[in-house]
Amino acid sequence: MTNQDLAAQNVDIELLRNEFARLDSLFETNLKALGLTEADLKNTDINNAPPELKLLLQKAQQEAKEAGARRAREVPYIEVKKTGGATPRRGQTMSV
């Protein structure tokens, strides 16, 4: 990997960090608006939820999957070329 590749990867990581922070904030805002805590979510049995809530949950999960897929398509794929030879195992170094 070149320094340019690493710099681009760091930019992508920072973008993801910002997106996670935005989503966390939105999640907290929505929890407060509903009067819920994260503990409430962990202790809730979705099988006992009303059908409307199940439908909303499925819709939110689908939207999240689609948003993740869109974001994955936006991030360029970086191919790392192997220069040949064996890959060292953990704790070992390759001699040059």
PDB file of N, CA and C in Angstrom:
ATOM      1  N   MET A   1       0.834  -1.175   0.000  1.00  0.00           N
ATOM      2  CA  MET A   1       0.000   0.000   0.000  1.00  0.00           C
ATOM      3  C   MET A   1       0.882   1.242   0.000  1.00  0.00           C
ATOM      4  N   THR A   2       0.506   2.194  -0.782  1.00  0.00           N
ATOM      5  CA  THR A   2       1.278   3.421  -0.837  1.00  0.00           C
ATOM      6  C   THR A   2       0.764   4.398   0.213  1.00  0.00           C
ATOM      7  N   ASN A   3       1.533   5.437   0.426  1.00  0.00           N
ATOM      8  CA  ASN A   3       1.103   6.483   1.368  1.00  0.00           C
ATOM      9  C   ASN A   3      -0.193   7.122   0.912  1.00  0.00           C
ATOM     10  N   GLN A   4      -0.357   7.234  -0.397  1.00  0.00           N
ATOM     11  CA  GLN A   4      -1.584   7.811  -0.946  1.00  0.00           C
ATOM     12  C   GLN A   4      -2.781   6.906  -0.625  1.00  0.00           C
ATOM     13  N   ASP A   5      -2.596   5.591  -0.750  1.00  0.00           N
ATOM     14  CA  ASP A   5      -3.661   4.649  -0.411  1.00  0.00           C
ATOM     15  C   ASP A   5      -4.015   4.744   1.070  1.00  0.00           C
ATOM     16  N   LEU A   6      -3.001   4.840   1.915  1.00  0.00           N
ATOM     17  CA  LEU A   6      -3.234   4.954   3.357  1.00  0.00           C
ATOM     18  C   LEU A   6      -3.954   6.252   3.696  1.00  0.00           C
ATOM     19  N   ALA A   7      -3.571   7.332   3.035  1.00  0.00           N
ATOM     20  CA  ALA A   7      -4.230   8.612   3.278  1.00  0.00           C
ATOM     21  C   ALA A   7      -5.700   8.542   2.865  1.00  0.00           C
ATOM     22  N   ALA A   8      -5.965   7.919   1.717  1.00  0.00           N
ATOM     23  CA  ALA A   8      -7.351   7.770   1.260  1.00  0.00           C
ATOM     24  C   ALA A   8      -8.136   6.893   2.222  1.00  0.00           C
ATOM     25  N   GLN A   9      -7.502   5.859   2.723  1.00  0.00           N
ATOM     26  CA  GLN A   9      -8.164   4.977   3.681  1.00  0.00           C
ATOM     27  C   GLN A   9      -8.459   5.726   4.980  1.00  0.00           C
ATOM     28  N   ASN A  10      -7.546   6.563   5.418  1.00  0.00           N
ATOM     29  CA  ASN A  10      -7.780   7.361   6.623  1.00  0.00           C
ATOM     30  C   ASN A  10      -8.937   8.332   6.434  1.00  0.00           C
ATOM     31  N   VAL A  11      -9.057   8.893   5.247  1.00  0.00           N
ATOM     32  CA  VAL A  11     -10.194   9.780   4.949  1.00  0.00           C
ATOM     33  C   VAL A  11     -11.495   8.983   5.038  1.00  0.00           C
ATOM     34  N   ASP A  12     -11.509   7.797   4.457  1.00  0.00           N
ATOM     35  CA  ASP A  12     -12.704   6.946   4.510  1.00  0.00           C
ATOM     36  C   ASP A  12     -13.057   6.573   5.946  1.00  0.00           C
ATOM     37  N   ILE A  13     -12.051   6.267   6.747  1.00  0.00           N
ATOM     38  CA  ILE A  13     -12.286   5.917   8.147  1.00  0.00           C
ATOM     39  C   ILE A  13     -12.886   7.101   8.888  1.00  0.00           C
ATOM     40  N   GLU A  14     -12.381   8.293   8.631  1.00  0.00           N
ATOM     41  CA  GLU A  14     -12.918   9.489   9.290  1.00  0.00           C
ATOM     42  C   GLU A  14     -14.355   9.754   8.855  1.00  0.00           C
ATOM     43  N   LEU A  15     -14.655   9.531   7.588  1.00  0.00           N
ATOM     44  CA  LEU A  15     -16.036   9.687   7.109  1.00  0.00           C
ATOM     45  C   LEU A  15     -16.960   8.695   7.809  1.00  0.00           C
ATOM     46  N   LEU A  16     -16.514   7.465   7.951  1.00  0.00           N
ATOM     47  CA  LEU A  16     -17.315   6.462   8.647  1.00  0.00           C
ATOM     48  C   LEU A  16     -17.485   6.820  10.120  1.00  0.00           C
ATOM     49  N   ARG A  17     -16.433   7.307  10.735  1.00  0.00           N
ATOM     50  CA  ARG A  17     -16.506   7.715  12.144  1.00  0.00           C
ATOM     51  C   ARG A  17     -17.553   8.817  12.316  1.00  0.00           C
ATOM     52  N   ASN A  18     -17.549   9.787  11.405  1.00  0.00           N
ATOM     53  CA  ASN A  18     -18.527  10.872  11.461  1.00  0.00           C
ATOM     54  C   ASN A  18     -19.943  10.353  11.229  1.00  0.00           C
ATOM     55  N   GLU A  19     -20.090   9.418  10.316  1.00  0.00           N
ATOM     56  CA  GLU A  19     -21.415   8.850  10.035  1.00  0.00           C
ATOM     57  C   GLU A  19     -21.929   8.073  11.247  1.00  0.00           C
ATOM     58  N   PHE A  20     -21.059   7.291  11.887  1.00  0.00           N
ATOM     59  CA  PHE A  20     -21.474   6.567  13.092  1.00  0.00           C
ATOM     60  C   PHE A  20     -21.882   7.539  14.197  1.00  0.00           C
ATOM     61  N   ALA A  21     -21.133   8.625  14.359  1.00  0.00           N
ATOM     62  CA  ALA A  21     -21.474   9.620  15.378  1.00  0.00           C
ATOM     63  C   ALA A  21     -22.834  10.237  15.078  1.00  0.00           C
ATOM     64  N   ARG A  22     -23.092  10.537  13.809  1.00  0.00           N
ATOM     65  CA  ARG A  22     -24.384  11.102  13.418  1.00  0.00           C
ATOM     66  C   ARG A  22     -25.512  10.117  13.706  1.00  0.00           C
ATOM     67  N   LEU A  23     -25.305   8.855  13.349  1.00  0.00           N
ATOM     68  CA  LEU A  23     -26.337   7.839  13.576  1.00  0.00           C
ATOM     69  C   LEU A  23     -26.555   7.578  15.061  1.00  0.00           C
ATOM     70  N   ASP A  24     -25.476   7.571  15.840  1.00  0.00           N
ATOM     71  CA  ASP A  24     -25.619   7.404  17.290  1.00  0.00           C
ATOM     72  C   ASP A  24     -26.446   8.540  17.888  1.00  0.00           C
ATOM     73  N   SER A  25     -26.177   9.750  17.447  1.00  0.00           N
ATOM     74  CA  SER A  25     -26.922  10.908  17.937  1.00  0.00           C
ATOM     75  C   SER A  25     -28.397  10.806  17.558  1.00  0.00           C
ATOM     76  N   LEU A  26     -28.656  10.415  16.326  1.00  0.00           N
ATOM     77  CA  LEU A  26     -30.024  10.246  15.860  1.00  0.00           C
ATOM     78  C   LEU A  26     -30.728   9.144  16.647  1.00  0.00           C
ATOM     79  N   PHE A  27     -30.035   8.062  16.918  1.00  0.00           N
ATOM     80  CA  PHE A  27     -30.588   6.952  17.689  1.00  0.00           C
ATOM     81  C   PHE A  27     -30.958   7.417  19.096  1.00  0.00           C
ATOM     82  N   GLU A  28     -30.050   8.138  19.747  1.00  0.00           N
ATOM     83  CA  GLU A  28     -30.313   8.654  21.092  1.00  0.00           C
ATOM     84  C   GLU A  28     -31.498   9.612  21.090  1.00  0.00           C
ATOM     85  N   THR A  29     -31.577  10.459  20.093  1.00  0.00           N
ATOM     86  CA  THR A  29     -32.702  11.399  19.983  1.00  0.00           C
ATOM     87  C   THR A  29     -34.013  10.649  19.843  1.00  0.00           C
ATOM     88  N   ASN A  30     -34.021   9.620  19.007  1.00  0.00           N
ATOM     89  CA  ASN A  30     -35.241   8.834  18.809  1.00  0.00           C
ATOM     90  C   ASN A  30     -35.630   8.069  20.068  1.00  0.00           C
ATOM     91  N   LEU A  31     -34.650   7.527  20.787  1.00  0.00           N
ATOM     92  CA  LEU A  31     -34.942   6.838  22.039  1.00  0.00           C
ATOM     93  C   LEU A  31     -35.593   7.788  23.040  1.00  0.00           C
ATOM     94  N   LYS A  32     -35.024   8.992  23.173  1.00  0.00           N
ATOM     95  CA  LYS A  32     -35.578   9.970  24.112  1.00  0.00           C
ATOM     96  C   LYS A  32     -36.995  10.367  23.702  1.00  0.00           C
ATOM     97  N   ALA A  33     -37.217  10.533  22.395  1.00  0.00           N
ATOM     98  CA  ALA A  33     -38.548  10.921  21.913  1.00  0.00           C
ATOM     99  C   ALA A  33     -39.582   9.844  22.235  1.00  0.00           C
ATOM    100  N   LEU A  34     -39.156   8.598  22.241  1.00  0.00           N
ATOM    101  CA  LEU A  34     -40.057   7.488  22.551  1.00  0.00           C
ATOM    102  C   LEU A  34     -40.128   7.192  24.048  1.00  0.00           C
ATOM    103  N   GLY A  35     -39.281   7.855  24.824  1.00  0.00           N
ATOM    104  CA  GLY A  35     -39.253   7.611  26.258  1.00  0.00           C
ATOM    105  C   GLY A  35     -38.645   6.264  26.615  1.00  0.00           C
ATOM    106  N   LEU A  36     -37.702   5.817  25.814  1.00  0.00           N
ATOM    107  CA  LEU A  36     -37.075   4.510  26.031  1.00  0.00           C
ATOM    108  C   LEU A  36     -35.605   4.667  26.390  1.00  0.00           C
ATOM    109  N   THR A  37     -35.063   3.596  26.935  1.00  0.00           N
ATOM    110  CA  THR A  37     -33.623   3.516  27.184  1.00  0.00           C
ATOM    111  C   THR A  37     -33.092   2.302  26.421  1.00  0.00           C
ATOM    112  N   GLU A  38     -31.775   2.194  26.319  1.00  0.00           N
ATOM    113  CA  GLU A  38     -31.197   1.027  25.650  1.00  0.00           C
ATOM    114  C   GLU A  38     -31.524  -0.246  26.419  1.00  0.00           C
ATOM    115  N   ALA A  39     -31.630  -0.143  27.734  1.00  0.00           N
ATOM    116  CA  ALA A  39     -32.008  -1.312  28.547  1.00  0.00           C
ATOM    117  C   ALA A  39     -33.408  -1.787  28.179  1.00  0.00           C
ATOM    118  N   ASP A  40     -34.304  -0.832  27.900  1.00  0.00           N
ATOM    119  CA  ASP A  40     -35.658  -1.204  27.471  1.00  0.00           C
ATOM    120  C   ASP A  40     -35.608  -2.016  26.182  1.00  0.00           C
ATOM    121  N   LEU A  41     -34.735  -1.624  25.281  1.00  0.00           N
ATOM    122  CA  LEU A  41     -34.628  -2.337  24.006  1.00  0.00           C
ATOM    123  C   LEU A  41     -34.095  -3.750  24.208  1.00  0.00           C
ATOM    124  N   LYS A  42     -33.136  -3.890  25.108  1.00  0.00           N
ATOM    125  CA  LYS A  42     -32.545  -5.204  25.345  1.00  0.00           C
ATOM    126  C   LYS A  42     -33.516  -6.140  26.043  1.00  0.00           C
ATOM    127  N   ASN A  43     -34.420  -5.578  26.835  1.00  0.00           N
ATOM    128  CA  ASN A  43     -35.358  -6.395  27.601  1.00  0.00           C
ATOM    129  C   ASN A  43     -36.688  -6.611  26.883  1.00  0.00           C
ATOM    130  N   THR A  44     -36.818  -6.109  25.672  1.00  0.00           N
ATOM    131  CA  THR A  44     -38.063  -6.224  24.928  1.00  0.00           C
ATOM    132  C   THR A  44     -38.046  -7.477  24.061  1.00  0.00           C
ATOM    133  N   ASP A  45     -39.099  -8.259  24.155  1.00  0.00           N
ATOM    134  CA  ASP A  45     -39.237  -9.441  23.311  1.00  0.00           C
ATOM    135  C   ASP A  45     -40.010  -9.040  22.055  1.00  0.00           C
ATOM    136  N   ILE A  46     -39.334  -9.014  20.935  1.00  0.00           N
ATOM    137  CA  ILE A  46     -39.949  -8.563  19.690  1.00  0.00           C
ATOM    138  C   ILE A  46     -41.104  -9.469  19.276  1.00  0.00           C
ATOM    139  N   ASN A  47     -41.091 -10.711  19.728  1.00  0.00           N
ATOM    140  CA  ASN A  47     -42.180 -11.630  19.371  1.00  0.00           C
ATOM    141  C   ASN A  47     -43.503 -11.214  19.986  1.00  0.00           C
ATOM    142  N   ASN A  48     -43.451 -10.443  21.067  1.00  0.00           N
ATOM    143  CA  ASN A  48     -44.672  -9.980  21.718  1.00  0.00           C
ATOM    144  C   ASN A  48     -45.084  -8.581  21.255  1.00  0.00           C
ATOM    145  N   ALA A  49     -44.332  -8.012  20.325  1.00  0.00           N
ATOM    146  CA  ALA A  49     -44.621  -6.658  19.848  1.00  0.00           C
ATOM    147  C   ALA A  49     -45.832  -6.666  18.914  1.00  0.00           C
ATOM    148  N   PRO A  50     -46.541  -5.530  18.860  1.00  0.00           N
ATOM    149  CA  PRO A  50     -47.663  -5.422  17.935  1.00  0.00           C
ATOM    150  C   PRO A  50     -47.182  -5.524  16.484  1.00  0.00           C
ATOM    151  N   PRO A  51     -48.041  -5.973  15.579  1.00  0.00           N
ATOM    152  CA  PRO A  51     -47.642  -6.123  14.175  1.00  0.00           C
ATOM    153  C   PRO A  51     -47.134  -4.821  13.555  1.00  0.00           C
ATOM    154  N   GLU A  52     -47.687  -3.691  13.969  1.00  0.00           N
ATOM    155  CA  GLU A  52     -47.247  -2.402  13.418  1.00  0.00           C
ATOM    156  C   GLU A  52     -45.782  -2.137  13.761  1.00  0.00           C
ATOM    157  N   LEU A  53     -45.412  -2.462  15.005  1.00  0.00           N
ATOM    158  CA  LEU A  53     -44.031  -2.264  15.433  1.00  0.00           C
ATOM    159  C   LEU A  53     -43.094  -3.204  14.685  1.00  0.00           C
ATOM    160  N   LYS A  54     -43.515  -4.448  14.504  1.00  0.00           N
ATOM    161  CA  LYS A  54     -42.698  -5.400  13.749  1.00  0.00           C
ATOM    162  C   LYS A  54     -42.469  -4.895  12.327  1.00  0.00           C
ATOM    163  N   LEU A  55     -43.528  -4.352  11.718  1.00  0.00           N
ATOM    164  CA  LEU A  55     -43.417  -3.834  10.354  1.00  0.00           C
ATOM    165  C   LEU A  55     -42.453  -2.649  10.300  1.00  0.00           C
ATOM    166  N   LEU A  56     -42.559  -1.737  11.275  1.00  0.00           N
ATOM    167  CA  LEU A  56     -41.646  -0.593  11.323  1.00  0.00           C
ATOM    168  C   LEU A  56     -40.208  -1.047  11.519  1.00  0.00           C
ATOM    169  N   LEU A  57     -40.014  -2.038  12.352  1.00  0.00           N
ATOM    170  CA  LEU A  57     -38.671  -2.568  12.602  1.00  0.00           C
ATOM    171  C   LEU A  57     -38.090  -3.200  11.341  1.00  0.00           C
ATOM    172  N   GLN A  58     -38.881  -3.980  10.641  1.00  0.00           N
ATOM    173  CA  GLN A  58     -38.419  -4.593   9.393  1.00  0.00           C
ATOM    174  C   GLN A  58     -38.068  -3.523   8.364  1.00  0.00           C
ATOM    175  N   LYS A  59     -38.902  -2.485   8.290  1.00  0.00           N
ATOM    176  CA  LYS A  59     -38.648  -1.396   7.339  1.00  0.00           C
ATOM    177  C   LYS A  59     -37.346  -0.680   7.685  1.00  0.00           C
ATOM    178  N   ALA A  60     -37.131  -0.400   8.975  1.00  0.00           N
ATOM    179  CA  ALA A  60     -35.903   0.275   9.406  1.00  0.00           C
ATOM    180  C   ALA A  60     -34.677  -0.581   9.125  1.00  0.00           C
ATOM    181  N   GLN A  61     -34.783  -1.888   9.355  1.00  0.00           N
ATOM    182  CA  GLN A  61     -33.655  -2.779   9.076  1.00  0.00           C
ATOM    183  C   GLN A  61     -33.342  -2.808   7.589  1.00  0.00           C
ATOM    184  N   GLN A  62     -34.385  -2.838   6.751  1.00  0.00           N
ATOM    185  CA  GLN A  62     -34.169  -2.850   5.306  1.00  0.00           C
ATOM    186  C   GLN A  62     -33.520  -1.546   4.844  1.00  0.00           C
ATOM    187  N   GLU A  63     -34.000  -0.419   5.377  1.00  0.00           N
ATOM    188  CA  GLU A  63     -33.412   0.873   5.016  1.00  0.00           C
ATOM    189  C   GLU A  63     -31.948   0.947   5.445  1.00  0.00           C
ATOM    190  N   ALA A  64     -31.631   0.403   6.615  1.00  0.00           N
ATOM    191  CA  ALA A  64     -30.246   0.399   7.090  1.00  0.00           C
ATOM    192  C   ALA A  64     -29.365  -0.459   6.186  1.00  0.00           C
ATOM    193  N   LYS A  65     -29.873  -1.618   5.764  1.00  0.00           N
ATOM    194  CA  LYS A  65     -29.106  -2.480   4.857  1.00  0.00           C
ATOM    195  C   LYS A  65     -28.846  -1.765   3.533  1.00  0.00           C
ATOM    196  N   GLU A  66     -29.878  -1.105   3.009  1.00  0.00           N
ATOM    197  CA  GLU A  66     -29.726  -0.400   1.735  1.00  0.00           C
ATOM    198  C   GLU A  66     -28.746   0.764   1.863  1.00  0.00           C
ATOM    199  N   ALA A  67     -28.812   1.495   2.976  1.00  0.00           N
ATOM    200  CA  ALA A  67     -27.882   2.604   3.196  1.00  0.00           C
ATOM    201  C   ALA A  67     -26.450   2.087   3.295  1.00  0.00           C
ATOM    202  N   GLY A  68     -26.269   0.967   3.988  1.00  0.00           N
ATOM    203  CA  GLY A  68     -24.939   0.368   4.089  1.00  0.00           C
ATOM    204  C   GLY A  68     -24.419  -0.091   2.742  1.00  0.00           C
ATOM    205  N   ALA A  69     -25.298  -0.672   1.933  1.00  0.00           N
ATOM    206  CA  ALA A  69     -24.897  -1.126   0.596  1.00  0.00           C
ATOM    207  C   ALA A  69     -24.527   0.066  -0.285  1.00  0.00           C
ATOM    208  N   ARG A  70     -25.305   1.158  -0.169  1.00  0.00           N
ATOM    209  CA  ARG A  70     -24.979   2.364  -0.951  1.00  0.00           C
ATOM    210  C   ARG A  70     -23.617   2.906  -0.544  1.00  0.00           C
ATOM    211  N   ARG A  71     -23.370   2.935   0.756  1.00  0.00           N
ATOM    212  CA  ARG A  71     -22.087   3.449   1.239  1.00  0.00           C
ATOM    213  C   ARG A  71     -20.939   2.550   0.792  1.00  0.00           C
ATOM    214  N   ALA A  72     -21.151   1.258   0.817  1.00  0.00           N
ATOM    215  CA  ALA A  72     -20.111   0.322   0.387  1.00  0.00           C
ATOM    216  C   ALA A  72     -19.780   0.522  -1.090  1.00  0.00           C
ATOM    217  N   ARG A  73     -20.787   0.848  -1.897  1.00  0.00           N
ATOM    218  CA  ARG A  73     -20.528   1.089  -3.324  1.00  0.00           C
ATOM    219  C   ARG A  73     -19.762   2.394  -3.542  1.00  0.00           C
ATOM    220  N   GLU A  74     -19.889   3.342  -2.613  1.00  0.00           N
ATOM    221  CA  GLU A  74     -19.209   4.628  -2.754  1.00  0.00           C
ATOM    222  C   GLU A  74     -17.728   4.531  -2.418  1.00  0.00           C
ATOM    223  N   VAL A  75     -17.361   3.595  -1.568  1.00  0.00           N
ATOM    224  CA  VAL A  75     -15.967   3.463  -1.139  1.00  0.00           C
ATOM    225  C   VAL A  75     -15.204   2.699  -2.213  1.00  0.00           C
ATOM    226  N   PRO A  76     -14.126   3.289  -2.708  1.00  0.00           N
ATOM    227  CA  PRO A  76     -13.371   2.600  -3.760  1.00  0.00           C
ATOM    228  C   PRO A  76     -12.680   1.355  -3.213  1.00  0.00           C
ATOM    229  N   TYR A  77     -12.648   0.341  -4.041  1.00  0.00           N
ATOM    230  CA  TYR A  77     -11.966  -0.906  -3.682  1.00  0.00           C
ATOM    231  C   TYR A  77     -10.491  -0.735  -3.972  1.00  0.00           C
ATOM    232  N   ILE A  78      -9.662  -1.018  -3.000  1.00  0.00           N
ATOM    233  CA  ILE A  78      -8.212  -0.927  -3.173  1.00  0.00           C
ATOM    234  C   ILE A  78      -7.666  -2.333  -3.239  1.00  0.00           C
ATOM    235  N   GLU A  79      -7.081  -2.649  -4.362  1.00  0.00           N
ATOM    236  CA  GLU A  79      -6.499  -3.976  -4.532  1.00  0.00           C
ATOM    237  C   GLU A  79      -5.061  -3.953  -4.050  1.00  0.00           C
ATOM    238  N   VAL A  80      -4.742  -4.847  -3.161  1.00  0.00           N
ATOM    239  CA  VAL A  80      -3.374  -4.960  -2.661  1.00  0.00           C
ATOM    240  C   VAL A  80      -2.710  -6.080  -3.436  1.00  0.00           C
ATOM    241  N   LYS A  81      -1.671  -5.727  -4.147  1.00  0.00           N
ATOM    242  CA  LYS A  81      -0.980  -6.711  -4.974  1.00  0.00           C
ATOM    243  C   LYS A  81       0.074  -7.426  -4.146  1.00  0.00           C
ATOM    244  N   LYS A  82       0.059  -8.725  -4.225  1.00  0.00           N
ATOM    245  CA  LYS A  82       1.062  -9.533  -3.535  1.00  0.00           C
ATOM    246  C   LYS A  82       2.329  -9.537  -4.389  1.00  0.00           C
ATOM    247  N   THR A  83       3.436  -9.334  -3.752  1.00  0.00           N
ATOM    248  CA  THR A  83       4.694  -9.230  -4.492  1.00  0.00           C
ATOM    249  C   THR A  83       5.354 -10.571  -4.711  1.00  0.00           C
ATOM    250  N   GLY A  84       4.706 -11.626  -4.250  1.00  0.00           N
ATOM    251  CA  GLY A  84       5.283 -12.952  -4.444  1.00  0.00           C
ATOM    252  C   GLY A  84       5.909 -13.462  -3.167  1.00  0.00           C
ATOM    253  N   GLY A  85       6.139 -14.733  -3.139  1.00  0.00           N
ATOM    254  CA  GLY A  85       6.733 -15.324  -1.951  1.00  0.00           C
ATOM    255  C   GLY A  85       5.672 -15.645  -0.915  1.00  0.00           C
ATOM    256  N   ALA A  86       6.119 -16.251   0.146  1.00  0.00           N
ATOM    257  CA  ALA A  86       5.199 -16.669   1.196  1.00  0.00           C
ATOM    258  C   ALA A  86       4.848 -15.499   2.101  1.00  0.00           C
ATOM    259  N   THR A  87       3.681 -15.541   2.648  1.00  0.00           N
ATOM    260  CA  THR A  87       3.263 -14.556   3.623  1.00  0.00           C
ATOM    261  C   THR A  87       3.753 -15.009   4.993  1.00  0.00           C
ATOM    262  N   PRO A  88       4.404 -14.114   5.737  1.00  0.00           N
ATOM    263  CA  PRO A  88       4.918 -14.543   7.032  1.00  0.00           C
ATOM    264  C   PRO A  88       3.767 -14.855   8.009  1.00  0.00           C
ATOM    265  N   ARG A  89       4.015 -15.811   8.861  1.00  0.00           N
ATOM    266  CA  ARG A  89       3.037 -16.139   9.890  1.00  0.00           C
ATOM    267  C   ARG A  89       3.187 -15.150  11.040  1.00  0.00           C
ATOM    268  N   ARG A  90       2.209 -15.169  11.916  1.00  0.00           N
ATOM    269  CA  ARG A  90       2.217 -14.266  13.060  1.00  0.00           C
ATOM    270  C   ARG A  90       3.508 -14.453  13.862  1.00  0.00           C
ATOM    271  N   GLY A  91       4.179 -13.332  14.150  1.00  0.00           N
ATOM    272  CA  GLY A  91       5.390 -13.400  14.949  1.00  0.00           C
ATOM    273  C   GLY A  91       6.647 -13.651  14.145  1.00  0.00           C
ATOM    274  N   GLN A  92       6.506 -13.878  12.834  1.00  0.00           N
ATOM    275  CA  GLN A  92       7.669 -14.145  12.006  1.00  0.00           C
ATOM    276  C   GLN A  92       7.886 -12.967  11.061  1.00  0.00           C
ATOM    277  N   THR A  93       9.096 -12.817  10.635  1.00  0.00           N
ATOM    278  CA  THR A  93       9.417 -11.786   9.646  1.00  0.00           C
ATOM    279  C   THR A  93      10.006 -12.462   8.433  1.00  0.00           C
ATOM    280  N   MET A  94       9.897 -11.784   7.322  1.00  0.00           N
ATOM    281  CA  MET A  94      10.460 -12.332   6.093  1.00  0.00           C
ATOM    282  C   MET A  94      11.836 -11.722   5.876  1.00  0.00           C
ATOM    283  N   SER A  95      12.758 -12.545   5.453  1.00  0.00           N
ATOM    284  CA  SER A  95      14.081 -12.014   5.127  1.00  0.00           C
ATOM    285  C   SER A  95      14.059 -11.496   3.703  1.00  0.00           C
ATOM    286  N   VAL A  96      14.819 -10.434   3.487  1.00  0.00           N
ATOM    287  CA  VAL A  96      14.842  -9.798   2.158  1.00  0.00           C
ATOM    288  C   VAL A  96      16.072 -10.201   1.420  1.00  0.00           C
TER     289      VAL A  96
END
